[in-house]
Amino acid sequence: MANYIVRFREAPVARHAGAARGTLDLKATVSYAAYLGERQAGTLTTMREALGRALLPRFQYRYALNGMSVRLTPIEAERIAKLPEVLSVKSVRRYAPSVT
């Protein structure tokens, strides 16, 4: 198993409505972030059903991107990528600074 970032189709908060035009409405922003949280919970249920196992997000993202980090096998990642709510599934790469 490896860590994957699963991005969802709906726009993140930073690209939603007024935020994208530079006119931030705090109430609308908070409301949209809560909406994305609900949508993510529903999509997580769909992902669990597709895999037939428990799935616990390591991190959830709403502001710069709409998605979550989860541990998957490569075959599970392919299965999740086919869900209509999913925009992309990418494995997490870790980089360490090189000291010379």
N, C-alpha and C. Protein backbone atom coordinates (compact mmCIF):
# COMPACT_ATOMS: atom_id res chain seq x y z
N MET A 1 0.84 -1.20 0.00
CA MET A 1 0.00 0.00 0.00
C MET A 1 0.87 1.24 0.00
N ALA A 2 0.34 2.26 -0.62
CA ALA A 2 1.04 3.54 -0.69
C ALA A 2 0.03 4.67 -0.48
N ASN A 3 0.54 5.86 -0.24
CA ASN A 3 -0.31 7.04 -0.09
C ASN A 3 -0.63 7.61 -1.47
N TYR A 4 -1.90 7.96 -1.65
CA TYR A 4 -2.38 8.56 -2.90
C TYR A 4 -3.16 9.82 -2.57
N ILE A 5 -3.07 10.79 -3.47
CA ILE A 5 -3.92 11.98 -3.40
C ILE A 5 -5.06 11.75 -4.38
N VAL A 6 -6.28 11.76 -3.86
CA VAL A 6 -7.48 11.60 -4.69
C VAL A 6 -8.11 12.99 -4.81
N ARG A 7 -8.15 13.52 -6.03
CA ARG A 7 -8.76 14.83 -6.28
C ARG A 7 -10.16 14.64 -6.81
N PHE A 8 -11.08 15.46 -6.32
CA PHE A 8 -12.48 15.38 -6.72
C PHE A 8 -12.79 16.46 -7.75
N ARG A 9 -13.85 16.24 -8.51
CA ARG A 9 -14.20 17.12 -9.63
C ARG A 9 -14.66 18.52 -9.23
N GLU A 10 -15.33 18.65 -8.11
CA GLU A 10 -15.83 19.97 -7.72
C GLU A 10 -14.68 20.90 -7.36
N ALA A 11 -14.86 22.17 -7.65
CA ALA A 11 -13.81 23.17 -7.42
C ALA A 11 -13.49 23.31 -5.93
N PRO A 12 -12.23 23.54 -5.59
CA PRO A 12 -11.88 23.83 -4.20
C PRO A 12 -12.36 25.22 -3.82
N VAL A 13 -12.30 25.53 -2.55
CA VAL A 13 -12.77 26.83 -2.06
C VAL A 13 -12.06 27.98 -2.78
N ALA A 14 -10.77 27.86 -3.01
CA ALA A 14 -10.00 28.95 -3.63
C ALA A 14 -10.46 29.28 -5.05
N ARG A 15 -11.12 28.35 -5.71
CA ARG A 15 -11.59 28.59 -7.08
C ARG A 15 -13.10 28.74 -7.17
N HIS A 16 -13.76 28.77 -6.06
CA HIS A 16 -15.22 28.83 -6.05
C HIS A 16 -15.72 30.26 -6.11
N ALA A 17 -16.64 30.51 -6.98
CA ALA A 17 -17.40 31.77 -7.10
C ALA A 17 -16.56 33.01 -6.83
N GLY A 18 -16.89 33.74 -5.78
CA GLY A 18 -16.24 35.01 -5.48
C GLY A 18 -14.76 34.88 -5.21
N ALA A 19 -14.34 33.79 -4.65
CA ALA A 19 -12.92 33.62 -4.33
C ALA A 19 -12.09 33.67 -5.60
N ALA A 20 -12.60 33.12 -6.69
CA ALA A 20 -11.87 33.11 -7.95
C ALA A 20 -11.77 34.51 -8.56
N ARG A 21 -12.71 35.37 -8.25
CA ARG A 21 -12.71 36.74 -8.79
C ARG A 21 -12.03 37.72 -7.85
N GLY A 22 -11.58 37.27 -6.71
CA GLY A 22 -10.92 38.14 -5.75
C GLY A 22 -11.86 38.87 -4.82
N THR A 23 -13.14 38.51 -4.84
CA THR A 23 -14.12 39.12 -3.94
C THR A 23 -14.59 38.03 -2.98
N LEU A 24 -14.00 38.01 -1.83
CA LEU A 24 -14.25 36.94 -0.87
C LEU A 24 -15.41 37.29 0.05
N ASP A 25 -16.42 36.45 0.05
CA ASP A 25 -17.56 36.56 0.95
C ASP A 25 -17.35 35.49 2.01
N LEU A 26 -17.01 35.90 3.22
CA LEU A 26 -16.65 34.95 4.27
C LEU A 26 -17.75 33.94 4.55
N LYS A 27 -18.98 34.40 4.63
CA LYS A 27 -20.10 33.48 4.91
C LYS A 27 -20.24 32.44 3.80
N ALA A 28 -20.15 32.88 2.54
CA ALA A 28 -20.26 31.95 1.41
C ALA A 28 -19.07 30.99 1.39
N THR A 29 -17.89 31.49 1.74
CA THR A 29 -16.69 30.65 1.75
C THR A 29 -16.81 29.55 2.81
N VAL A 30 -17.23 29.91 4.00
CA VAL A 30 -17.40 28.94 5.08
C VAL A 30 -18.48 27.93 4.70
N SER A 31 -19.55 28.42 4.11
CA SER A 31 -20.64 27.55 3.69
C SER A 31 -20.17 26.56 2.61
N TYR A 32 -19.40 27.05 1.64
CA TYR A 32 -18.93 26.17 0.57
C TYR A 32 -17.93 25.14 1.11
N ALA A 33 -17.07 25.56 2.04
CA ALA A 33 -16.13 24.61 2.65
C ALA A 33 -16.89 23.50 3.39
N ALA A 34 -17.96 23.86 4.08
CA ALA A 34 -18.78 22.86 4.77
C ALA A 34 -19.46 21.93 3.76
N TYR A 35 -19.94 22.51 2.66
CA TYR A 35 -20.55 21.72 1.59
C TYR A 35 -19.55 20.70 1.03
N LEU A 36 -18.31 21.15 0.78
CA LEU A 36 -17.30 20.22 0.27
C LEU A 36 -17.02 19.11 1.29
N GLY A 37 -17.03 19.45 2.56
CA GLY A 37 -16.85 18.43 3.60
C GLY A 37 -17.93 17.36 3.53
N GLU A 38 -19.16 17.79 3.33
CA GLU A 38 -20.27 16.83 3.20
C GLU A 38 -20.13 15.99 1.94
N ARG A 39 -19.75 16.63 0.84
CA ARG A 39 -19.56 15.90 -0.42
C ARG A 39 -18.41 14.89 -0.29
N GLN A 40 -17.34 15.30 0.38
CA GLN A 40 -16.22 14.39 0.58
C GLN A 40 -16.63 13.18 1.42
N ALA A 41 -17.45 13.41 2.44
CA ALA A 41 -17.93 12.30 3.27
C ALA A 41 -18.74 11.31 2.42
N GLY A 42 -19.58 11.84 1.55
CA GLY A 42 -20.36 10.97 0.67
C GLY A 42 -19.48 10.21 -0.31
N THR A 43 -18.49 10.89 -0.86
CA THR A 43 -17.58 10.23 -1.80
C THR A 43 -16.73 9.20 -1.09
N LEU A 44 -16.34 9.48 0.14
CA LEU A 44 -15.58 8.49 0.92
C LEU A 44 -16.40 7.22 1.11
N THR A 45 -17.69 7.37 1.37
CA THR A 45 -18.58 6.20 1.49
C THR A 45 -18.61 5.43 0.18
N THR A 46 -18.71 6.14 -0.94
CA THR A 46 -18.70 5.50 -2.25
C THR A 46 -17.39 4.76 -2.48
N MET A 47 -16.28 5.36 -2.09
CA MET A 47 -14.97 4.73 -2.24
C MET A 47 -14.88 3.46 -1.40
N ARG A 48 -15.38 3.54 -0.17
CA ARG A 48 -15.37 2.36 0.71
C ARG A 48 -16.19 1.23 0.09
N GLU A 49 -17.35 1.56 -0.44
CA GLU A 49 -18.20 0.55 -1.07
C GLU A 49 -17.52 -0.05 -2.30
N ALA A 50 -16.84 0.77 -3.08
CA ALA A 50 -16.16 0.29 -4.29
C ALA A 50 -15.02 -0.66 -3.94
N LEU A 51 -14.37 -0.42 -2.79
CA LEU A 51 -13.24 -1.26 -2.40
C LEU A 51 -13.64 -2.41 -1.48
N GLY A 52 -14.80 -2.29 -0.85
CA GLY A 52 -15.25 -3.33 0.06
C GLY A 52 -14.43 -3.41 1.34
N ARG A 53 -13.91 -2.26 1.76
CA ARG A 53 -13.12 -2.23 3.00
C ARG A 53 -13.16 -0.84 3.63
N ALA A 54 -12.74 -0.79 4.87
CA ALA A 54 -12.66 0.49 5.57
C ALA A 54 -11.58 1.35 4.91
N LEU A 55 -11.80 2.63 4.89
CA LEU A 55 -10.85 3.56 4.28
C LEU A 55 -10.84 4.82 5.12
N LEU A 56 -9.69 5.15 5.67
CA LEU A 56 -9.56 6.31 6.55
C LEU A 56 -8.65 7.34 5.90
N PRO A 57 -9.17 8.53 5.61
CA PRO A 57 -8.32 9.56 5.00
C PRO A 57 -7.20 9.97 5.95
N ARG A 58 -6.01 10.13 5.41
CA ARG A 58 -4.89 10.64 6.20
C ARG A 58 -5.04 12.15 6.33
N PHE A 59 -5.40 12.80 5.25
CA PHE A 59 -5.62 14.24 5.22
C PHE A 59 -6.79 14.53 4.29
N GLN A 60 -7.52 15.62 4.56
CA GLN A 60 -8.58 16.06 3.66
C GLN A 60 -8.30 17.51 3.29
N TYR A 61 -8.51 17.81 2.02
CA TYR A 61 -8.19 19.13 1.47
C TYR A 61 -9.45 19.76 0.89
N ARG A 62 -9.64 21.04 1.15
CA ARG A 62 -10.80 21.74 0.60
C ARG A 62 -10.44 23.10 0.00
N TYR A 63 -9.37 23.70 0.44
CA TYR A 63 -9.11 25.08 0.10
C TYR A 63 -8.29 25.26 -1.18
N ALA A 64 -7.11 24.71 -1.27
CA ALA A 64 -6.29 24.85 -2.48
C ALA A 64 -6.65 23.79 -3.51
N LEU A 65 -7.07 22.64 -3.05
CA LEU A 65 -7.59 21.59 -3.93
C LEU A 65 -8.68 20.86 -3.17
N ASN A 66 -9.51 20.17 -3.90
CA ASN A 66 -10.61 19.42 -3.30
C ASN A 66 -10.25 17.94 -3.41
N GLY A 67 -9.88 17.35 -2.28
CA GLY A 67 -9.49 15.95 -2.31
C GLY A 67 -9.08 15.44 -0.95
N MET A 68 -8.44 14.27 -0.98
CA MET A 68 -7.96 13.67 0.27
C MET A 68 -6.80 12.74 -0.02
N SER A 69 -6.04 12.46 1.02
CA SER A 69 -4.94 11.52 0.95
C SER A 69 -5.39 10.22 1.63
N VAL A 70 -5.23 9.11 0.92
CA VAL A 70 -5.62 7.80 1.45
C VAL A 70 -4.56 6.76 1.08
N ARG A 71 -4.53 5.67 1.84
CA ARG A 71 -3.63 4.56 1.54
C ARG A 71 -4.36 3.55 0.68
N LEU A 72 -3.77 3.25 -0.48
CA LEU A 72 -4.38 2.35 -1.45
C LEU A 72 -3.32 1.45 -2.07
N THR A 73 -3.77 0.34 -2.61
CA THR A 73 -2.91 -0.46 -3.47
C THR A 73 -3.02 0.13 -4.88
N PRO A 74 -2.10 -0.19 -5.77
CA PRO A 74 -2.22 0.31 -7.15
C PRO A 74 -3.53 -0.13 -7.82
N ILE A 75 -3.98 -1.33 -7.57
CA ILE A 75 -5.24 -1.80 -8.15
C ILE A 75 -6.42 -1.01 -7.59
N GLU A 76 -6.41 -0.73 -6.28
CA GLU A 76 -7.47 0.08 -5.67
C GLU A 76 -7.46 1.50 -6.24
N ALA A 77 -6.26 2.05 -6.47
CA ALA A 77 -6.15 3.39 -7.03
C ALA A 77 -6.81 3.45 -8.41
N GLU A 78 -6.59 2.42 -9.21
CA GLU A 78 -7.22 2.36 -10.53
C GLU A 78 -8.74 2.30 -10.42
N ARG A 79 -9.22 1.54 -9.46
CA ARG A 79 -10.67 1.41 -9.26
C ARG A 79 -11.28 2.74 -8.82
N ILE A 80 -10.61 3.43 -7.89
CA ILE A 80 -11.11 4.71 -7.39
C ILE A 80 -11.09 5.75 -8.52
N ALA A 81 -10.09 5.72 -9.36
CA ALA A 81 -9.96 6.69 -10.46
C ALA A 81 -11.13 6.62 -11.43
N LYS A 82 -11.82 5.50 -11.47
CA LYS A 82 -12.95 5.33 -12.40
C LYS A 82 -14.27 5.87 -11.85
N LEU A 83 -14.30 6.27 -10.58
CA LEU A 83 -15.53 6.81 -10.00
C LEU A 83 -15.84 8.17 -10.63
N PRO A 84 -17.12 8.46 -10.88
CA PRO A 84 -17.47 9.72 -11.55
C PRO A 84 -17.11 10.98 -10.76
N GLU A 85 -17.03 10.89 -9.45
CA GLU A 85 -16.72 12.06 -8.61
C GLU A 85 -15.24 12.40 -8.62
N VAL A 86 -14.41 11.47 -9.11
CA VAL A 86 -12.96 11.59 -8.99
C VAL A 86 -12.36 12.21 -10.24
N LEU A 87 -11.53 13.23 -10.04
CA LEU A 87 -10.83 13.89 -11.14
C LEU A 87 -9.51 13.17 -11.44
N SER A 88 -8.76 12.82 -10.37
CA SER A 88 -7.48 12.14 -10.56
C SER A 88 -7.06 11.42 -9.29
N VAL A 89 -6.18 10.44 -9.47
CA VAL A 89 -5.59 9.70 -8.35
C VAL A 89 -4.10 9.62 -8.65
N LYS A 90 -3.29 10.21 -7.78
CA LYS A 90 -1.84 10.25 -7.99
C LYS A 90 -1.12 9.74 -6.75
N SER A 91 -0.10 8.94 -6.98
CA SER A 91 0.68 8.46 -5.84
C SER A 91 1.50 9.62 -5.27
N VAL A 92 1.70 9.58 -3.97
CA VAL A 92 2.45 10.61 -3.28
C VAL A 92 3.94 10.31 -3.43
N ARG A 93 4.67 11.30 -3.83
CA ARG A 93 6.12 11.15 -3.92
C ARG A 93 6.75 11.91 -2.79
N ARG A 94 7.71 11.29 -2.18
CA ARG A 94 8.43 11.96 -1.08
C ARG A 94 9.83 12.30 -1.55
N TYR A 95 10.22 13.50 -1.27
CA TYR A 95 11.55 13.96 -1.65
C TYR A 95 12.30 14.35 -0.38
N ALA A 96 13.56 14.06 -0.37
CA ALA A 96 14.42 14.46 0.74
C ALA A 96 15.53 15.32 0.18
N PRO A 97 15.92 16.34 0.91
CA PRO A 97 17.01 17.17 0.41
C PRO A 97 18.31 16.38 0.38
N SER A 98 19.10 16.64 -0.60
CA SER A 98 20.39 15.95 -0.65
C SER A 98 21.44 16.88 -0.04
N VAL A 99 22.26 16.32 0.76
CA VAL A 99 23.31 17.09 1.42
C VAL A 99 24.64 16.63 0.84
N THR A 100 25.32 17.56 0.22
CA THR A 100 26.62 17.20 -0.37
C THR A 100 27.73 18.03 0.20
